[in-house]
C-alpha atoms as a PDB file:
ATOM      1  CA  MET A   1     228.878 139.951 159.447  1.00  0.00           C
ATOM      2  CA  ASP A   2     225.551 137.869 159.577  1.00  0.00           C
ATOM      3  CA  LEU A   3     224.068 140.186 156.682  1.00  0.00           C
ATOM      4  CA  LEU A   4     226.655 138.650 154.362  1.00  0.00           C
ATOM      5  CA  ASN A   5     226.532 135.127 155.483  1.00  0.00           C
ATOM      6  CA  GLY A   6     223.404 133.237 153.756  1.00  0.00           C
ATOM      7  CA  ARG A   7     223.293 130.716 155.638  1.00  0.00           C
ATOM      8  CA  THR A   8     221.737 132.645 158.872  1.00  0.00           C
ATOM      9  CA  LEU A   9     219.736 134.564 157.241  1.00  0.00           C
ATOM     10  CA  SER A  10     215.975 134.037 156.796  1.00  0.00           C
ATOM     11  CA  GLN A  11     213.970 133.730 153.644  1.00  0.00           C
ATOM     12  CA  LYS A  12     212.571 137.260 154.239  1.00  0.00           C
ATOM     13  CA  GLN A  13     216.127 138.730 154.958  1.00  0.00           C
ATOM     14  CA  ARG A  14     217.628 137.106 152.159  1.00  0.00           C
ATOM     15  CA  PHE A  15     214.538 138.909 149.476  1.00  0.00           C
ATOM     16  CA  ASN A  16     215.233 142.222 151.771  1.00  0.00           C
ATOM     17  CA  LEU A  17     218.828 141.517 150.686  1.00  0.00           C
ATOM     18  CA  ILE A  18     218.203 140.627 146.910  1.00  0.00           C
ATOM     19  CA  LEU A  19     215.894 144.364 147.029  1.00  0.00           C
ATOM     20  CA  VAL A  20     218.803 146.336 147.608  1.00  0.00           C
ATOM     21  CA  ALA A  21     221.685 144.036 145.531  1.00  0.00           C
ATOM     22  CA  GLY A  22     219.229 144.119 142.780  1.00  0.00           C
ATOM     23  CA  ALA A  23     218.649 147.898 142.450  1.00  0.00           C
ATOM     24  CA  VAL A  24     222.023 148.793 142.527  1.00  0.00           C
ATOM     25  CA  ALA A  25     222.826 146.250 140.150  1.00  0.00           C
ATOM     26  CA  SER A  26     220.206 146.859 137.354  1.00  0.00           C
ATOM     27  CA  ILE A  27     221.354 150.729 137.890  1.00  0.00           C
ATOM     28  CA  VAL A  28     224.857 150.105 137.390  1.00  0.00           C
ATOM     29  CA  LEU A  29     224.631 147.317 134.684  1.00  0.00           C
ATOM     30  CA  GLY A  30     221.926 149.653 132.771  1.00  0.00           C
ATOM     31  CA  ILE A  31     224.092 152.340 132.605  1.00  0.00           C
ATOM     32  CA  LEU A  32     227.471 150.653 131.778  1.00  0.00           C
ATOM     33  CA  SER A  33     225.556 148.820 129.075  1.00  0.00           C
ATOM     34  CA  GLY A  34     224.355 151.537 127.876  1.00  0.00           C
ATOM     35  CA  TYR A  35     227.656 153.433 127.656  1.00  0.00           C
ATOM     36  CA  PHE A  36     229.041 150.353 126.158  1.00  0.00           C
ATOM     37  CA  ARG A  37     226.530 150.236 123.207  1.00  0.00           C
ATOM     38  CA  GLN A  38     226.696 153.996 122.856  1.00  0.00           C
ATOM     39  CA  TYR A  39     230.506 153.818 122.263  1.00  0.00           C
ATOM     40  CA  VAL A  40     231.415 150.208 121.898  1.00  0.00           C
ATOM     41  CA  PHE A  41     229.381 147.792 120.298  1.00  0.00           C
ATOM     42  CA  ASN A  42     225.529 148.720 119.739  1.00  0.00           C
ATOM     43  CA  HIS A  43     223.819 145.262 119.644  1.00  0.00           C
ATOM     44  CA  ALA A  44     220.693 144.134 121.984  1.00  0.00           C
ATOM     45  CA  ILE A  45     222.304 140.794 122.589  1.00  0.00           C
ATOM     46  CA  ILE A  46     224.105 142.889 125.395  1.00  0.00           C
ATOM     47  CA  LEU A  47     220.716 143.303 127.094  1.00  0.00           C
ATOM     48  CA  VAL A  48     220.633 139.477 127.089  1.00  0.00           C
ATOM     49  CA  LEU A  49     223.594 139.743 129.154  1.00  0.00           C
ATOM     50  CA  VAL A  50     222.494 142.036 131.275  1.00  0.00           C
ATOM     51  CA  GLY A  51     219.399 140.283 132.216  1.00  0.00           C
ATOM     52  CA  LEU A  52     221.444 136.912 132.707  1.00  0.00           C
ATOM     53  CA  ALA A  53     223.893 138.917 135.297  1.00  0.00           C
ATOM     54  CA  ILE A  54     221.190 140.557 137.229  1.00  0.00           C
ATOM     55  CA  ALA A  55     219.505 136.791 137.238  1.00  0.00           C
ATOM     56  CA  LEU A  56     222.816 135.265 138.709  1.00  0.00           C
ATOM     57  CA  ILE A  57     223.170 138.067 141.281  1.00  0.00           C
ATOM     58  CA  ILE A  58     219.696 137.381 142.512  1.00  0.00           C
ATOM     59  CA  GLN A  59     220.523 133.779 142.538  1.00  0.00           C
ATOM     60  CA  LYS A  60     223.692 133.933 144.312  1.00  0.00           C
ATOM     61  CA  VAL A  61     222.534 136.438 147.106  1.00  0.00           C
ATOM     62  CA  GLY A  62     219.167 135.457 147.203  1.00  0.00           C
ATOM     63  CA  HIS A  63     219.040 131.623 147.184  1.00  0.00           C
ATOM     64  CA  GLY A  64     215.442 131.550 146.831  1.00  0.00           C
ATOM     65  CA  VAL A  65     212.863 129.200 145.230  1.00  0.00           C
ATOM     66  CA  GLN A  66     209.820 131.351 145.683  1.00  0.00           C
ATOM     67  CA  THR A  67     208.638 132.985 142.491  1.00  0.00           C
ATOM     68  CA  ARG A  68     209.313 136.420 144.447  1.00  0.00           C
ATOM     69  CA  PHE A  69     212.698 136.138 143.634  1.00  0.00           C
ATOM     70  CA  ALA A  70     211.963 135.609 139.902  1.00  0.00           C
ATOM     71  CA  VAL A  71     209.792 138.372 139.582  1.00  0.00           C
ATOM     72  CA  ALA A  72     212.196 140.674 141.326  1.00  0.00           C
ATOM     73  CA  SER A  73     214.707 140.163 138.972  1.00  0.00           C
ATOM     74  CA  LEU A  74     211.919 140.351 135.769  1.00  0.00           C
ATOM     75  CA  LEU A  75     211.685 144.060 137.412  1.00  0.00           C
ATOM     76  CA  PHE A  76     215.334 144.815 137.861  1.00  0.00           C
ATOM     77  CA  THR A  77     215.845 143.641 134.263  1.00  0.00           C
ATOM     78  CA  VAL A  78     213.173 145.814 132.865  1.00  0.00           C
ATOM     79  CA  LEU A  79     214.801 148.719 134.488  1.00  0.00           C
ATOM     80  CA  ALA A  80     218.210 147.799 133.570  1.00  0.00           C
ATOM     81  CA  ILE A  81     216.778 147.896 129.870  1.00  0.00           C
ATOM     82  CA  LEU A  82     215.019 150.993 130.147  1.00  0.00           C
ATOM     83  CA  LEU A  83     218.292 152.871 131.471  1.00  0.00           C
ATOM     84  CA  SER A  84     220.523 151.309 128.931  1.00  0.00           C
ATOM     85  CA  ASP A  85     218.040 151.765 126.110  1.00  0.00           C
ATOM     86  CA  VAL A  86     218.177 155.696 127.476  1.00  0.00           C
ATOM     87  CA  VAL A  87     221.771 156.125 127.594  1.00  0.00           C
ATOM     88  CA  THR A  88     222.103 154.616 124.418  1.00  0.00           C
ATOM     89  CA  ASP A  89     219.773 156.920 122.746  1.00  0.00           C
ATOM     90  CA  PHE A  90     220.543 160.316 124.510  1.00  0.00           C
ATOM     91  CA  GLY A  91     223.976 159.719 126.600  1.00  0.00           C
ATOM     92  CA  ILE A  92     223.903 159.918 130.541  1.00  0.00           C
ATOM     93  CA  ALA A  93     222.288 163.609 130.310  1.00  0.00           C
ATOM     94  CA  GLY A  94     219.373 161.689 129.242  1.00  0.00           C
ATOM     95  CA  LEU A  95     218.780 159.890 132.625  1.00  0.00           C
ATOM     96  CA  VAL A  96     217.467 163.391 134.184  1.00  0.00           C
ATOM     97  CA  ASP A  97     215.217 163.781 131.100  1.00  0.00           C
ATOM     98  CA  PHE A  98     211.677 162.529 131.135  1.00  0.00           C
ATOM     99  CA  SER A  99     211.170 162.718 127.434  1.00  0.00           C
ATOM    100  CA  ALA A 100     213.794 160.400 126.841  1.00  0.00           C
ATOM    101  CA  TYR A 101     212.009 157.994 128.691  1.00  0.00           C
ATOM    102  CA  GLN A 102     208.863 158.568 126.734  1.00  0.00           C
ATOM    103  CA  SER A 103     210.629 158.647 123.266  1.00  0.00           C
ATOM    104  CA  VAL A 104     212.410 155.117 124.346  1.00  0.00           C
ATOM    105  CA  LEU A 105     209.000 153.366 125.436  1.00  0.00           C
ATOM    106  CA  THR A 106     207.088 154.821 122.080  1.00  0.00           C
ATOM    107  CA  PHE A 107     209.779 153.591 119.755  1.00  0.00           C
ATOM    108  CA  MET A 108     207.946 149.835 120.157  1.00  0.00           C
ATOM    109  CA  ILE A 109     204.699 151.258 119.303  1.00  0.00           C
ATOM    110  CA  HIS A 110     206.372 151.675 115.416  1.00  0.00           C
ATOM    111  CA  GLU A 111     205.470 148.808 112.974  1.00  0.00           C
ATOM    112  CA  ASP A 112     208.550 147.795 111.170  1.00  0.00           C
ATOM    113  CA  ILE A 113     210.976 145.070 111.529  1.00  0.00           C
ATOM    114  CA  TYR A 114     213.138 147.055 114.008  1.00  0.00           C
ATOM    115  CA  SER A 115     210.503 147.299 116.568  1.00  0.00           C
ATOM    116  CA  VAL A 116     209.948 143.735 116.530  1.00  0.00           C
ATOM    117  CA  LEU A 117     213.748 142.374 116.495  1.00  0.00           C
ATOM    118  CA  TRP A 118     213.801 145.258 119.510  1.00  0.00           C
ATOM    119  CA  LEU A 119     211.035 143.288 121.564  1.00  0.00           C
ATOM    120  CA  VAL A 120     212.119 139.974 120.697  1.00  0.00           C
ATOM    121  CA  TYR A 121     215.702 140.848 122.341  1.00  0.00           C
ATOM    122  CA  ARG A 122     214.038 142.664 125.341  1.00  0.00           C
ATOM    123  CA  ALA A 123     211.923 139.619 125.933  1.00  0.00           C
ATOM    124  CA  LEU A 124     214.653 137.093 125.683  1.00  0.00           C
ATOM    125  CA  ALA A 125     216.487 139.129 128.097  1.00  0.00           C
ATOM    126  CA  LEU A 126     213.520 139.064 130.525  1.00  0.00           C
ATOM    127  CA  TYR A 127     212.825 135.451 129.955  1.00  0.00           C
ATOM    128  CA  ILE A 128     216.518 134.591 130.728  1.00  0.00           C
ATOM    129  CA  SER A 129     216.405 136.930 133.704  1.00  0.00           C
ATOM    130  CA  TYR A 130     213.200 135.171 135.294  1.00  0.00           C
ATOM    131  CA  ILE A 131     214.463 131.319 134.621  1.00  0.00           C
ATOM    132  CA  TYR A 132     217.566 132.103 135.792  1.00  0.00           C
ATOM    133  CA  SER A 133     217.261 133.571 138.878  1.00  0.00           C
ATOM    134  CA  ARG A 134     215.637 131.192 141.218  1.00  0.00           C
ATOM    135  CA  VAL A 135     217.489 127.892 142.811  1.00  0.00           C
ATOM    136  CA  ILE A 136     215.976 124.943 141.854  1.00  0.00           C
END
């Protein structure tokens, strides 16, 4: 039961714990937010909430003050955003199709206002995830 007691764990053990918790949270939140955006409400503000949720999970589980906790939160948010975009555009079946990931990533290369807004919302989600993931 010491695994769940954050006060008895060392910094390295807590970081290993957030790697597992963050990976599970990013996969689950990425798929759920993609499904929500596909069928209920398709707005990128959902991704900002996903970034905040991942940051709060990392903060509560890890209790870390080092920047490696923030970088881990940032990477898990990138994974969740990518999964969410694939599920939104291609459905659950798109998760196993490599071309779905390529088309989502090439969308940001287009030179129109939608790709700029696309990048702004995702950058905001990454910023929030990075800032709120550490205990300061």
